[in-house]
Amino acid sequence: MIRIVILLSCILLLSITACHTQMIYPVMIKAGATDQQLKTDALDCKMKAADFKSKLSSGGAPSFGPIGMAKHKKEMNEATEEANKFYVECMEEKGYSVK
């Protein structure tokens, strides 16, 4: 019984503190752009966005405990959001628009 309670507590803690740090790259289009040019430009902007995200977040492991995990989650989610916006802006500077 105690094991079940501990297991459920761990699952609850992990679900509360889970980070959504997945970068989201929308489909971008540009009139006259070749497939190779799109891939090259997208890769360039993805690398710049990842670098931008790493500069926004403090990096490293979060502090121990639920408060430290929640703070880390918030920081990573905000950094991911800003990096996603950075990617779109980078592609727009190259003449692409969101499909």
N, C-alpha and C. Protein backbone atom coordinates (compact mmCIF):
# COMPACT_ATOMS: atom_id res chain seq x y z
N MET A 1 0.83 -1.20 0.00
CA MET A 1 0.00 0.00 0.00
C MET A 1 0.87 1.27 0.00
N ILE A 2 1.91 1.24 0.82
CA ILE A 2 2.80 2.39 0.90
C ILE A 2 3.52 2.59 -0.43
N ARG A 3 3.89 1.50 -1.08
CA ARG A 3 4.57 1.60 -2.38
C ARG A 3 3.67 2.26 -3.42
N ILE A 4 2.41 1.93 -3.38
CA ILE A 4 1.46 2.50 -4.33
C ILE A 4 1.33 4.01 -4.10
N VAL A 5 1.26 4.41 -2.85
CA VAL A 5 1.15 5.83 -2.52
C VAL A 5 2.41 6.58 -2.97
N ILE A 6 3.56 5.99 -2.72
CA ILE A 6 4.82 6.62 -3.14
C ILE A 6 4.89 6.72 -4.66
N LEU A 7 4.50 5.65 -5.34
CA LEU A 7 4.50 5.65 -6.80
C LEU A 7 3.56 6.71 -7.36
N LEU A 8 2.36 6.80 -6.81
CA LEU A 8 1.40 7.81 -7.27
C LEU A 8 1.91 9.22 -6.98
N SER A 9 2.56 9.40 -5.85
CA SER A 9 3.13 10.71 -5.51
C SER A 9 4.22 11.10 -6.51
N CYS A 10 5.06 10.15 -6.87
CA CYS A 10 6.12 10.42 -7.86
C CYS A 10 5.53 10.75 -9.22
N ILE A 11 4.52 10.03 -9.63
CA ILE A 11 3.87 10.29 -10.92
C ILE A 11 3.25 11.68 -10.92
N LEU A 12 2.60 12.04 -9.83
CA LEU A 12 1.98 13.36 -9.72
C LEU A 12 3.04 14.46 -9.77
N LEU A 13 4.13 14.28 -9.06
CA LEU A 13 5.21 15.27 -9.05
C LEU A 13 5.80 15.44 -10.45
N LEU A 14 6.02 14.34 -11.14
CA LEU A 14 6.57 14.41 -12.50
C LEU A 14 5.62 15.10 -13.47
N SER A 15 4.32 14.83 -13.33
CA SER A 15 3.36 15.46 -14.24
C SER A 15 3.23 16.95 -13.97
N ILE A 16 3.37 17.35 -12.72
CA ILE A 16 3.28 18.77 -12.38
C ILE A 16 4.50 19.53 -12.89
N THR A 17 5.66 18.91 -12.82
CA THR A 17 6.90 19.60 -13.14
C THR A 17 7.43 19.30 -14.54
N ALA A 18 6.66 18.62 -15.37
CA ALA A 18 7.13 18.29 -16.72
C ALA A 18 7.27 19.55 -17.55
N CYS A 19 8.33 19.61 -18.33
CA CYS A 19 8.59 20.77 -19.19
C CYS A 19 8.09 20.47 -20.60
N HIS A 20 7.54 21.49 -21.21
CA HIS A 20 7.19 21.39 -22.63
C HIS A 20 8.25 22.19 -23.37
N THR A 21 9.38 21.55 -23.64
CA THR A 21 10.49 22.28 -24.24
C THR A 21 10.68 21.93 -25.71
N GLN A 22 9.70 21.32 -26.30
CA GLN A 22 9.80 20.93 -27.71
C GLN A 22 9.66 22.17 -28.59
N MET A 23 10.64 22.38 -29.44
CA MET A 23 10.56 23.49 -30.37
C MET A 23 9.50 23.17 -31.43
N ILE A 24 8.74 24.17 -31.81
CA ILE A 24 7.70 23.99 -32.81
C ILE A 24 8.07 24.84 -34.02
N TYR A 25 8.25 24.18 -35.15
CA TYR A 25 8.64 24.88 -36.36
C TYR A 25 7.46 24.88 -37.33
N PRO A 26 6.80 26.03 -37.51
CA PRO A 26 5.67 26.06 -38.43
C PRO A 26 6.14 25.93 -39.88
N VAL A 27 5.24 25.52 -40.75
CA VAL A 27 5.57 25.41 -42.17
C VAL A 27 5.67 26.82 -42.74
N MET A 28 6.80 27.09 -43.37
CA MET A 28 7.05 28.40 -43.95
C MET A 28 7.15 28.25 -45.47
N ILE A 29 6.64 29.24 -46.20
CA ILE A 29 6.68 29.18 -47.66
C ILE A 29 7.29 30.48 -48.21
N LYS A 30 7.86 30.35 -49.40
CA LYS A 30 8.43 31.51 -50.10
C LYS A 30 8.28 31.24 -51.60
N ALA A 31 7.69 32.17 -52.29
CA ALA A 31 7.50 32.02 -53.73
C ALA A 31 8.85 31.91 -54.42
N GLY A 32 9.01 30.88 -55.24
CA GLY A 32 10.23 30.71 -56.01
C GLY A 32 11.36 30.02 -55.28
N ALA A 33 11.17 29.67 -54.02
CA ALA A 33 12.24 29.01 -53.26
C ALA A 33 12.28 27.52 -53.62
N THR A 34 13.48 27.01 -53.83
CA THR A 34 13.62 25.58 -54.10
C THR A 34 13.53 24.82 -52.78
N ASP A 35 13.31 23.53 -52.89
CA ASP A 35 13.23 22.69 -51.69
C ASP A 35 14.55 22.72 -50.93
N GLN A 36 15.66 22.70 -51.66
CA GLN A 36 16.97 22.74 -51.01
C GLN A 36 17.20 24.07 -50.29
N GLN A 37 16.77 25.16 -50.92
CA GLN A 37 16.92 26.48 -50.29
C GLN A 37 16.09 26.56 -49.01
N LEU A 38 14.87 26.02 -49.05
CA LEU A 38 14.01 26.01 -47.87
C LEU A 38 14.67 25.23 -46.74
N LYS A 39 15.21 24.05 -47.06
CA LYS A 39 15.87 23.23 -46.04
C LYS A 39 17.08 23.94 -45.45
N THR A 40 17.87 24.57 -46.30
CA THR A 40 19.07 25.28 -45.84
C THR A 40 18.70 26.45 -44.94
N ASP A 41 17.73 27.26 -45.38
CA ASP A 41 17.30 28.41 -44.59
C ASP A 41 16.67 27.97 -43.27
N ALA A 42 15.85 26.91 -43.32
CA ALA A 42 15.20 26.41 -42.10
C ALA A 42 16.23 25.89 -41.11
N LEU A 43 17.22 25.16 -41.60
CA LEU A 43 18.26 24.64 -40.71
C LEU A 43 19.05 25.78 -40.07
N ASP A 44 19.37 26.79 -40.86
CA ASP A 44 20.10 27.94 -40.33
C ASP A 44 19.30 28.62 -39.21
N CYS A 45 18.01 28.83 -39.45
CA CYS A 45 17.17 29.48 -38.44
C CYS A 45 16.94 28.59 -37.22
N LYS A 46 16.85 27.28 -37.44
CA LYS A 46 16.69 26.36 -36.31
C LYS A 46 17.92 26.39 -35.40
N MET A 47 19.09 26.42 -36.00
CA MET A 47 20.32 26.48 -35.20
C MET A 47 20.41 27.80 -34.45
N LYS A 48 20.04 28.89 -35.09
CA LYS A 48 20.05 30.19 -34.42
C LYS A 48 19.04 30.23 -33.28
N ALA A 49 17.85 29.63 -33.50
CA ALA A 49 16.82 29.60 -32.46
C ALA A 49 17.26 28.75 -31.28
N ALA A 50 17.93 27.64 -31.55
CA ALA A 50 18.42 26.78 -30.46
C ALA A 50 19.49 27.51 -29.65
N ASP A 51 20.35 28.25 -30.33
CA ASP A 51 21.37 29.03 -29.63
C ASP A 51 20.72 30.13 -28.80
N PHE A 52 19.71 30.77 -29.36
CA PHE A 52 18.96 31.81 -28.66
C PHE A 52 18.31 31.24 -27.40
N LYS A 53 17.72 30.05 -27.52
CA LYS A 53 17.06 29.41 -26.38
C LYS A 53 18.07 29.07 -25.29
N SER A 54 19.24 28.58 -25.68
CA SER A 54 20.24 28.21 -24.68
C SER A 54 20.74 29.44 -23.92
N LYS A 55 20.74 30.59 -24.56
CA LYS A 55 21.16 31.82 -23.88
C LYS A 55 20.08 32.33 -22.93
N LEU A 56 18.81 32.05 -23.25
CA LEU A 56 17.72 32.50 -22.38
C LEU A 56 17.60 31.67 -21.11
N SER A 57 17.81 30.37 -21.23
CA SER A 57 17.66 29.50 -20.07
C SER A 57 18.98 29.39 -19.33
N SER A 58 18.89 29.21 -18.03
CA SER A 58 20.11 29.12 -17.23
C SER A 58 20.84 27.81 -17.46
N GLY A 59 20.13 26.83 -17.98
CA GLY A 59 20.74 25.53 -18.26
C GLY A 59 20.98 24.74 -17.00
N GLY A 60 21.52 23.57 -17.16
CA GLY A 60 21.82 22.73 -16.00
C GLY A 60 20.59 22.07 -15.43
N ALA A 61 20.80 21.36 -14.37
CA ALA A 61 19.71 20.65 -13.71
C ALA A 61 18.94 21.61 -12.81
N PRO A 62 17.64 21.36 -12.67
CA PRO A 62 16.85 22.21 -11.78
C PRO A 62 17.19 21.95 -10.32
N SER A 63 16.81 22.89 -9.47
CA SER A 63 16.99 22.71 -8.03
C SER A 63 16.12 21.56 -7.55
N PHE A 64 16.51 20.98 -6.45
CA PHE A 64 15.73 19.89 -5.89
C PHE A 64 14.43 20.42 -5.29
N GLY A 65 13.44 19.58 -5.26
CA GLY A 65 12.16 19.92 -4.65
C GLY A 65 11.18 20.46 -5.66
N PRO A 66 9.91 20.45 -5.27
CA PRO A 66 8.85 20.88 -6.19
C PRO A 66 8.96 22.35 -6.60
N ILE A 67 9.43 23.21 -5.71
CA ILE A 67 9.53 24.63 -6.05
C ILE A 67 10.62 24.85 -7.10
N GLY A 68 11.76 24.21 -6.92
CA GLY A 68 12.83 24.31 -7.89
C GLY A 68 12.44 23.74 -9.24
N MET A 69 11.71 22.62 -9.23
CA MET A 69 11.27 21.99 -10.47
C MET A 69 10.25 22.88 -11.19
N ALA A 70 9.34 23.48 -10.42
CA ALA A 70 8.32 24.35 -11.03
C ALA A 70 8.98 25.59 -11.64
N LYS A 71 9.98 26.14 -10.95
CA LYS A 71 10.69 27.31 -11.48
C LYS A 71 11.43 26.94 -12.77
N HIS A 72 12.08 25.78 -12.78
CA HIS A 72 12.79 25.32 -13.96
C HIS A 72 11.82 25.11 -15.12
N LYS A 73 10.67 24.51 -14.83
CA LYS A 73 9.66 24.26 -15.86
C LYS A 73 9.21 25.58 -16.48
N LYS A 74 8.92 26.56 -15.64
CA LYS A 74 8.45 27.86 -16.14
C LYS A 74 9.53 28.51 -17.00
N GLU A 75 10.76 28.48 -16.53
CA GLU A 75 11.87 29.08 -17.27
C GLU A 75 12.07 28.41 -18.63
N MET A 76 12.03 27.10 -18.66
CA MET A 76 12.24 26.37 -19.92
C MET A 76 11.08 26.60 -20.89
N ASN A 77 9.85 26.63 -20.37
CA ASN A 77 8.70 26.88 -21.24
C ASN A 77 8.77 28.28 -21.85
N GLU A 78 9.16 29.27 -21.05
CA GLU A 78 9.28 30.64 -21.56
C GLU A 78 10.39 30.74 -22.61
N ALA A 79 11.51 30.08 -22.34
CA ALA A 79 12.63 30.10 -23.29
C ALA A 79 12.23 29.43 -24.61
N THR A 80 11.48 28.34 -24.52
CA THR A 80 11.02 27.64 -25.73
C THR A 80 10.07 28.52 -26.53
N GLU A 81 9.15 29.19 -25.84
CA GLU A 81 8.21 30.07 -26.52
C GLU A 81 8.94 31.19 -27.27
N GLU A 82 9.90 31.80 -26.60
CA GLU A 82 10.66 32.89 -27.22
C GLU A 82 11.50 32.38 -28.40
N ALA A 83 12.07 31.19 -28.27
CA ALA A 83 12.87 30.62 -29.35
C ALA A 83 11.99 30.29 -30.56
N ASN A 84 10.77 29.82 -30.31
CA ASN A 84 9.84 29.56 -31.41
C ASN A 84 9.53 30.85 -32.17
N LYS A 85 9.32 31.94 -31.44
CA LYS A 85 9.07 33.24 -32.07
C LYS A 85 10.30 33.70 -32.85
N PHE A 86 11.47 33.46 -32.28
CA PHE A 86 12.73 33.84 -32.93
C PHE A 86 12.88 33.12 -34.27
N TYR A 87 12.52 31.84 -34.30
CA TYR A 87 12.60 31.06 -35.55
C TYR A 87 11.72 31.68 -36.63
N VAL A 88 10.49 32.00 -36.27
CA VAL A 88 9.56 32.58 -37.25
C VAL A 88 10.10 33.92 -37.75
N GLU A 89 10.60 34.75 -36.84
CA GLU A 89 11.17 36.04 -37.24
C GLU A 89 12.37 35.86 -38.17
N CYS A 90 13.21 34.89 -37.87
CA CYS A 90 14.38 34.60 -38.70
C CYS A 90 13.95 34.21 -40.12
N MET A 91 12.96 33.34 -40.21
CA MET A 91 12.49 32.91 -41.52
C MET A 91 11.81 34.05 -42.27
N GLU A 92 11.08 34.90 -41.53
CA GLU A 92 10.44 36.05 -42.17
C GLU A 92 11.48 37.02 -42.72
N GLU A 93 12.61 37.17 -42.03
CA GLU A 93 13.69 38.03 -42.52
C GLU A 93 14.27 37.49 -43.83
N LYS A 94 14.18 36.19 -44.04
CA LYS A 94 14.68 35.57 -45.27
C LYS A 94 13.62 35.56 -46.37
N GLY A 95 12.45 36.16 -46.09
CA GLY A 95 11.41 36.28 -47.10
C GLY A 95 10.33 35.22 -47.06
N TYR A 96 10.31 34.39 -46.03
CA TYR A 96 9.30 33.34 -45.91
C TYR A 96 8.10 33.86 -45.12
N SER A 97 6.98 33.20 -45.30
CA SER A 97 5.79 33.52 -44.51
C SER A 97 5.18 32.21 -44.02
N VAL A 98 4.42 32.32 -42.93
CA VAL A 98 3.78 31.13 -42.36
C VAL A 98 2.69 30.67 -43.31
N LYS A 99 2.67 29.37 -43.58
CA LYS A 99 1.69 28.79 -44.51
C LYS A 99 0.34 28.74 -43.85
